[in-house]
PDB file of all heavy atoms in Angstrom:
ATOM      1  N   GLU A   1     -48.209 -81.767 -54.544  1.00  0.00           N
ATOM      2  CA  GLU A   1     -47.639 -82.710 -53.588  1.00  0.00           C
ATOM      3  C   GLU A   1     -46.498 -83.473 -54.256  1.00  0.00           C
ATOM      4  O   GLU A   1     -46.334 -83.418 -55.484  1.00  0.00           O
ATOM      5  CB  GLU A   1     -48.723 -83.680 -53.107  1.00  0.00           C
ATOM      6  CG  GLU A   1     -49.884 -82.994 -52.382  1.00  0.00           C
ATOM      7  CD  GLU A   1     -50.956 -83.988 -51.999  1.00  0.00           C
ATOM      8  OE1 GLU A   1     -50.831 -85.164 -52.402  1.00  0.00           O
ATOM      9  OE2 GLU A   1     -51.908 -83.593 -51.305  1.00  0.00           O
ATOM     10  N   PRO A   2     -45.689 -84.179 -53.458  1.00  0.00           N
ATOM     11  CA  PRO A   2     -44.615 -84.993 -54.053  1.00  0.00           C
ATOM     12  C   PRO A   2     -45.145 -85.888 -55.164  1.00  0.00           C
ATOM     13  O   PRO A   2     -46.178 -86.532 -55.028  1.00  0.00           O
ATOM     14  CB  PRO A   2     -44.100 -85.811 -52.853  1.00  0.00           C
ATOM     15  CG  PRO A   2     -44.389 -84.944 -51.669  1.00  0.00           C
ATOM     16  CD  PRO A   2     -45.689 -84.241 -51.991  1.00  0.00           C
ATOM     17  N   SER A   3     -44.438 -85.895 -56.273  1.00  0.00           N
ATOM     18  CA  SER A   3     -44.900 -86.648 -57.438  1.00  0.00           C
ATOM     19  C   SER A   3     -43.708 -86.951 -58.328  1.00  0.00           C
ATOM     20  O   SER A   3     -42.624 -86.378 -58.163  1.00  0.00           O
ATOM     21  CB  SER A   3     -45.927 -85.832 -58.219  1.00  0.00           C
ATOM     22  OG  SER A   3     -45.302 -84.697 -58.803  1.00  0.00           O
ATOM     23  N   PRO A   4     -43.868 -87.851 -59.312  1.00  0.00           N
ATOM     24  CA  PRO A   4     -42.770 -88.130 -60.247  1.00  0.00           C
ATOM     25  C   PRO A   4     -42.310 -86.882 -61.000  1.00  0.00           C
ATOM     26  O   PRO A   4     -41.119 -86.757 -61.318  1.00  0.00           O
ATOM     27  CB  PRO A   4     -43.392 -89.159 -61.201  1.00  0.00           C
ATOM     28  CG  PRO A   4     -44.441 -89.840 -60.386  1.00  0.00           C
ATOM     29  CD  PRO A   4     -45.003 -88.769 -59.502  1.00  0.00           C
ATOM     30  N   ILE A   5     -43.232 -85.957 -61.282  1.00  0.00           N
ATOM     31  CA  ILE A   5     -42.848 -84.737 -61.986  1.00  0.00           C
ATOM     32  C   ILE A   5     -41.865 -83.933 -61.152  1.00  0.00           C
ATOM     33  O   ILE A   5     -40.858 -83.436 -61.654  1.00  0.00           O
ATOM     34  CB  ILE A   5     -44.093 -83.893 -62.327  1.00  0.00           C
ATOM     35  CG1 ILE A   5     -44.938 -84.587 -63.382  1.00  0.00           C
ATOM     36  CG2 ILE A   5     -43.683 -82.500 -62.813  1.00  0.00           C
ATOM     37  CD1 ILE A   5     -46.193 -83.843 -63.756  1.00  0.00           C
ATOM     38  N   ARG A   6     -42.145 -83.803 -59.872  1.00  0.00           N
ATOM     39  CA  ARG A   6     -41.237 -83.060 -59.001  1.00  0.00           C
ATOM     40  C   ARG A   6     -39.868 -83.747 -58.925  1.00  0.00           C
ATOM     41  O   ARG A   6     -38.837 -83.074 -58.875  1.00  0.00           O
ATOM     42  CB  ARG A   6     -41.853 -82.917 -57.609  1.00  0.00           C
ATOM     43  CG  ARG A   6     -43.047 -81.974 -57.580  1.00  0.00           C
ATOM     44  CD  ARG A   6     -43.461 -81.663 -56.160  1.00  0.00           C
ATOM     45  NE  ARG A   6     -44.416 -80.552 -56.139  1.00  0.00           N
ATOM     46  CZ  ARG A   6     -44.455 -79.630 -55.204  1.00  0.00           C
ATOM     47  NH1 ARG A   6     -43.591 -79.664 -54.209  1.00  0.00           N
ATOM     48  NH2 ARG A   6     -45.345 -78.661 -55.237  1.00  0.00           N
ATOM     49  N   ASP A   7     -39.873 -85.067 -58.900  1.00  0.00           N
ATOM     50  CA  ASP A   7     -38.604 -85.796 -58.890  1.00  0.00           C
ATOM     51  C   ASP A   7     -37.801 -85.508 -60.155  1.00  0.00           C
ATOM     52  O   ASP A   7     -36.574 -85.370 -60.109  1.00  0.00           O
ATOM     53  CB  ASP A   7     -38.860 -87.302 -58.760  1.00  0.00           C
ATOM     54  CG  ASP A   7     -39.483 -87.675 -57.415  1.00  0.00           C
ATOM     55  OD1 ASP A   7     -39.349 -86.879 -56.456  1.00  0.00           O
ATOM     56  OD2 ASP A   7     -40.115 -88.748 -57.337  1.00  0.00           O
ATOM     57  N   LYS A   8     -38.489 -85.412 -61.294  1.00  0.00           N
ATOM     58  CA  LYS A   8     -37.806 -85.116 -62.556  1.00  0.00           C
ATOM     59  C   LYS A   8     -37.187 -83.725 -62.533  1.00  0.00           C
ATOM     60  O   LYS A   8     -36.060 -83.521 -63.001  1.00  0.00           O
ATOM     61  CB  LYS A   8     -38.795 -85.239 -63.715  1.00  0.00           C
ATOM     62  CG  LYS A   8     -39.330 -86.643 -63.934  1.00  0.00           C
ATOM     63  CD  LYS A   8     -40.469 -86.647 -64.947  1.00  0.00           C
ATOM     64  CE  LYS A   8     -41.067 -88.029 -65.123  1.00  0.00           C
ATOM     65  NZ  LYS A   8     -42.220 -88.033 -66.054  1.00  0.00           N
ATOM     66  N   LEU A   9     -37.934 -82.761 -61.987  1.00  0.00           N
ATOM     67  CA  LEU A   9     -37.395 -81.400 -61.910  1.00  0.00           C
ATOM     68  C   LEU A   9     -36.198 -81.341 -60.971  1.00  0.00           C
ATOM     69  O   LEU A   9     -35.239 -80.606 -61.227  1.00  0.00           O
ATOM     70  CB  LEU A   9     -38.490 -80.437 -61.448  1.00  0.00           C
ATOM     71  CG  LEU A   9     -39.649 -80.214 -62.422  1.00  0.00           C
ATOM     72  CD1 LEU A   9     -40.625 -79.191 -61.862  1.00  0.00           C
ATOM     73  CD2 LEU A   9     -39.130 -79.753 -63.775  1.00  0.00           C
ATOM     74  N   LEU A  10     -36.246 -82.091 -59.880  1.00  0.00           N
ATOM     75  CA  LEU A  10     -35.109 -82.120 -58.964  1.00  0.00           C
ATOM     76  C   LEU A  10     -33.852 -82.648 -59.665  1.00  0.00           C
ATOM     77  O   LEU A  10     -32.752 -82.139 -59.444  1.00  0.00           O
ATOM     78  CB  LEU A  10     -35.436 -82.992 -57.750  1.00  0.00           C
ATOM     79  CG  LEU A  10     -36.255 -82.329 -56.638  1.00  0.00           C
ATOM     80  CD1 LEU A  10     -36.648 -83.362 -55.577  1.00  0.00           C
ATOM     81  CD2 LEU A  10     -35.461 -81.192 -56.003  1.00  0.00           C
ATOM     82  N   ALA A  11     -34.031 -83.656 -60.514  1.00  0.00           N
ATOM     83  CA  ALA A  11     -32.896 -84.213 -61.251  1.00  0.00           C
ATOM     84  C   ALA A  11     -32.286 -83.161 -62.175  1.00  0.00           C
ATOM     85  O   ALA A  11     -31.056 -83.034 -62.268  1.00  0.00           O
ATOM     86  CB  ALA A  11     -33.331 -85.442 -62.047  1.00  0.00           C
ATOM     87  N   LEU A  12     -33.144 -82.388 -62.856  1.00  0.00           N
ATOM     88  CA  LEU A  12     -32.630 -81.324 -63.724  1.00  0.00           C
ATOM     89  C   LEU A  12     -31.990 -80.217 -62.902  1.00  0.00           C
ATOM     90  O   LEU A  12     -30.989 -79.618 -63.317  1.00  0.00           O
ATOM     91  CB  LEU A  12     -33.770 -80.755 -64.572  1.00  0.00           C
ATOM     92  CG  LEU A  12     -34.247 -81.618 -65.737  1.00  0.00           C
ATOM     93  CD1 LEU A  12     -35.398 -80.934 -66.460  1.00  0.00           C
ATOM     94  CD2 LEU A  12     -33.108 -81.880 -66.709  1.00  0.00           C
ATOM     95  N   SER A  13     -32.573 -79.923 -61.742  1.00  0.00           N
ATOM     96  CA  SER A  13     -32.004 -78.899 -60.875  1.00  0.00           C
ATOM     97  C   SER A  13     -30.603 -79.286 -60.418  1.00  0.00           C
ATOM     98  O   SER A  13     -29.698 -78.450 -60.353  1.00  0.00           O
ATOM     99  CB  SER A  13     -32.912 -78.687 -59.659  1.00  0.00           C
ATOM    100  OG  SER A  13     -32.345 -77.765 -58.749  1.00  0.00           O
ATOM    101  N   GLU A  14     -30.406 -80.559 -60.112  1.00  0.00           N
ATOM    102  CA  GLU A  14     -29.082 -81.033 -59.710  1.00  0.00           C
ATOM    103  C   GLU A  14     -28.077 -80.909 -60.842  1.00  0.00           C
ATOM    104  O   GLU A  14     -26.869 -80.794 -60.610  1.00  0.00           O
ATOM    105  CB  GLU A  14     -29.181 -82.480 -59.236  1.00  0.00           C
ATOM    106  CG  GLU A  14     -29.940 -82.633 -57.913  1.00  0.00           C
ATOM    107  CD  GLU A  14     -30.174 -84.092 -57.544  1.00  0.00           C
ATOM    108  OE1 GLU A  14     -29.767 -84.973 -58.346  1.00  0.00           O
ATOM    109  OE2 GLU A  14     -30.752 -84.343 -56.478  1.00  0.00           O
ATOM    110  N   ALA A  15     -28.577 -80.911 -62.100  1.00  0.00           N
ATOM    111  CA  ALA A  15     -27.693 -80.733 -63.259  1.00  0.00           C
ATOM    112  C   ALA A  15     -27.405 -79.259 -63.524  1.00  0.00           C
ATOM    113  O   ALA A  15     -26.666 -78.938 -64.454  1.00  0.00           O
ATOM    114  CB  ALA A  15     -28.320 -81.368 -64.496  1.00  0.00           C
ATOM    115  N   GLY A  16     -28.015 -78.354 -62.708  1.00  0.00           N
ATOM    116  CA  GLY A  16     -27.715 -76.931 -62.830  1.00  0.00           C
ATOM    117  C   GLY A  16     -28.801 -76.092 -63.466  1.00  0.00           C
ATOM    118  O   GLY A  16     -28.661 -74.870 -63.557  1.00  0.00           O
ATOM    119  N   TYR A  17     -29.900 -76.705 -63.908  1.00  0.00           N
ATOM    120  CA  TYR A  17     -30.965 -75.945 -64.563  1.00  0.00           C
ATOM    121  C   TYR A  17     -31.871 -75.288 -63.530  1.00  0.00           C
ATOM    122  O   TYR A  17     -32.062 -75.796 -62.421  1.00  0.00           O
ATOM    123  CB  TYR A  17     -31.783 -76.860 -65.480  1.00  0.00           C
ATOM    124  CG  TYR A  17     -31.025 -77.264 -66.721  1.00  0.00           C
ATOM    125  CD1 TYR A  17     -30.285 -78.448 -66.749  1.00  0.00           C
ATOM    126  CD2 TYR A  17     -31.016 -76.455 -67.860  1.00  0.00           C
ATOM    127  CE1 TYR A  17     -29.567 -78.817 -67.878  1.00  0.00           C
ATOM    128  CE2 TYR A  17     -30.302 -76.818 -68.990  1.00  0.00           C
ATOM    129  CZ  TYR A  17     -29.577 -77.999 -68.994  1.00  0.00           C
ATOM    130  OH  TYR A  17     -28.866 -78.354 -70.114  1.00  0.00           O
ATOM    131  N   ARG A  18     -32.435 -74.134 -63.922  1.00  0.00           N
ATOM    132  CA  ARG A  18     -33.329 -73.392 -63.047  1.00  0.00           C
ATOM    133  C   ARG A  18     -34.667 -73.163 -63.746  1.00  0.00           C
ATOM    134  O   ARG A  18     -34.764 -73.202 -64.982  1.00  0.00           O
ATOM    135  CB  ARG A  18     -32.696 -72.057 -62.645  1.00  0.00           C
ATOM    136  CG  ARG A  18     -31.457 -72.226 -61.764  1.00  0.00           C
ATOM    137  CD  ARG A  18     -31.839 -72.857 -60.434  1.00  0.00           C
ATOM    138  NE  ARG A  18     -30.665 -73.142 -59.601  1.00  0.00           N
ATOM    139  CZ  ARG A  18     -30.112 -74.333 -59.477  1.00  0.00           C
ATOM    140  NH1 ARG A  18     -30.613 -75.371 -60.154  1.00  0.00           N
ATOM    141  NH2 ARG A  18     -29.074 -74.508 -58.694  1.00  0.00           N
ATOM    142  N   PHE A  19     -35.707 -72.887 -62.936  1.00  0.00           N
ATOM    143  CA  PHE A  19     -37.067 -72.825 -63.444  1.00  0.00           C
ATOM    144  C   PHE A  19     -37.762 -71.538 -63.027  1.00  0.00           C
ATOM    145  O   PHE A  19     -37.326 -70.829 -62.116  1.00  0.00           O
ATOM    146  CB  PHE A  19     -37.863 -74.036 -62.942  1.00  0.00           C
ATOM    147  CG  PHE A  19     -37.126 -75.333 -63.042  1.00  0.00           C
ATOM    148  CD1 PHE A  19     -36.802 -76.061 -61.906  1.00  0.00           C
ATOM    149  CD2 PHE A  19     -36.728 -75.817 -64.279  1.00  0.00           C
ATOM    150  CE1 PHE A  19     -36.100 -77.254 -62.000  1.00  0.00           C
ATOM    151  CE2 PHE A  19     -36.029 -77.009 -64.389  1.00  0.00           C
ATOM    152  CZ  PHE A  19     -35.712 -77.731 -63.244  1.00  0.00           C
ATOM    153  N   SER A  20     -38.869 -71.271 -63.716  1.00  0.00           N
ATOM    154  CA  SER A  20     -39.692 -70.100 -63.421  1.00  0.00           C
ATOM    155  C   SER A  20     -41.154 -70.540 -63.346  1.00  0.00           C
ATOM    156  O   SER A  20     -41.606 -71.340 -64.168  1.00  0.00           O
ATOM    157  CB  SER A  20     -39.515 -69.035 -64.507  1.00  0.00           C
ATOM    158  OG  SER A  20     -40.440 -67.973 -64.340  1.00  0.00           O
ATOM    159  N   LEU A  21     -41.884 -70.016 -62.369  1.00  0.00           N
ATOM    160  CA  LEU A  21     -43.312 -70.293 -62.244  1.00  0.00           C
ATOM    161  C   LEU A  21     -44.075 -69.111 -62.825  1.00  0.00           C
ATOM    162  O   LEU A  21     -43.888 -67.968 -62.396  1.00  0.00           O
ATOM    163  CB  LEU A  21     -43.694 -70.490 -60.772  1.00  0.00           C
ATOM    164  CG  LEU A  21     -45.119 -70.994 -60.514  1.00  0.00           C
ATOM    165  CD1 LEU A  21     -45.253 -72.447 -60.989  1.00  0.00           C
ATOM    166  CD2 LEU A  21     -45.468 -70.893 -59.028  1.00  0.00           C
ATOM    167  N   ASP A  22     -44.927 -69.378 -63.825  1.00  0.00           N
ATOM    168  CA  ASP A  22     -45.675 -68.284 -64.448  1.00  0.00           C
ATOM    169  C   ASP A  22     -47.157 -68.656 -64.566  1.00  0.00           C
ATOM    170  O   ASP A  22     -47.602 -69.655 -64.019  1.00  0.00           O
ATOM    171  CB  ASP A  22     -45.080 -67.897 -65.804  1.00  0.00           C
ATOM    172  CG  ASP A  22     -45.296 -68.963 -66.870  1.00  0.00           C
ATOM    173  OD1 ASP A  22     -45.702 -70.093 -66.524  1.00  0.00           O
ATOM    174  OD2 ASP A  22     -45.066 -68.670 -68.055  1.00  0.00           O
ATOM    175  N   HIS A  23     -47.913 -67.793 -65.264  1.00  0.00           N
ATOM    176  CA  HIS A  23     -49.367 -67.946 -65.352  1.00  0.00           C
ATOM    177  C   HIS A  23     -49.962 -68.141 -63.956  1.00  0.00           C
ATOM    178  O   HIS A  23     -50.788 -69.019 -63.719  1.00  0.00           O
ATOM    179  CB  HIS A  23     -49.748 -69.124 -66.260  1.00  0.00           C
ATOM    180  CG  HIS A  23     -49.427 -68.879 -67.709  1.00  0.00           C
ATOM    181  ND1 HIS A  23     -48.207 -69.193 -68.265  1.00  0.00           N
ATOM    182  CD2 HIS A  23     -50.165 -68.332 -68.704  1.00  0.00           C
ATOM    183  CE1 HIS A  23     -48.211 -68.867 -69.546  1.00  0.00           C
ATOM    184  NE2 HIS A  23     -49.379 -68.333 -69.845  1.00  0.00           N
ATOM    185  N   ILE A  24     -49.515 -67.295 -63.039  1.00  0.00           N
ATOM    186  CA  ILE A  24     -49.939 -67.406 -61.645  1.00  0.00           C
ATOM    187  C   ILE A  24     -51.309 -66.768 -61.461  1.00  0.00           C
ATOM    188  O   ILE A  24     -51.544 -65.634 -61.884  1.00  0.00           O
ATOM    189  CB  ILE A  24     -48.900 -66.734 -60.721  1.00  0.00           C
ATOM    190  CG1 ILE A  24     -47.593 -67.540 -60.754  1.00  0.00           C
ATOM    191  CG2 ILE A  24     -49.428 -66.612 -59.291  1.00  0.00           C
ATOM    192  CD1 ILE A  24     -46.459 -66.900 -59.993  1.00  0.00           C
ATOM    193  N   THR A  25     -52.199 -67.504 -60.827  1.00  0.00           N
ATOM    194  CA  THR A  25     -53.530 -66.984 -60.517  1.00  0.00           C
ATOM    195  C   THR A  25     -53.783 -66.938 -59.010  1.00  0.00           C
ATOM    196  O   THR A  25     -54.699 -66.262 -58.561  1.00  0.00           O
ATOM    197  CB  THR A  25     -54.613 -67.857 -61.180  1.00  0.00           C
ATOM    198  OG1 THR A  25     -54.462 -69.220 -60.754  1.00  0.00           O
ATOM    199  CG2 THR A  25     -54.492 -67.807 -62.698  1.00  0.00           C
ATOM    200  N   ASP A  26     -52.990 -67.662 -58.246  1.00  0.00           N
ATOM    201  CA  ASP A  26     -53.137 -67.702 -56.793  1.00  0.00           C
ATOM    202  C   ASP A  26     -51.815 -67.267 -56.164  1.00  0.00           C
ATOM    203  O   ASP A  26     -50.788 -67.930 -56.329  1.00  0.00           O
ATOM    204  CB  ASP A  26     -53.508 -69.122 -56.351  1.00  0.00           C
ATOM    205  CG  ASP A  26     -53.741 -69.227 -54.844  1.00  0.00           C
ATOM    206  OD1 ASP A  26     -53.635 -68.197 -54.145  1.00  0.00           O
ATOM    207  OD2 ASP A  26     -54.018 -70.348 -54.370  1.00  0.00           O
TER     208      ASP A  26
END
């Protein structure tokens, strides 16, 4: 859910960084 962590990632995303979701079990 919306959280400070997600806000931090959005800030990095706006700076041009991209992410990957791994260790997926679901």
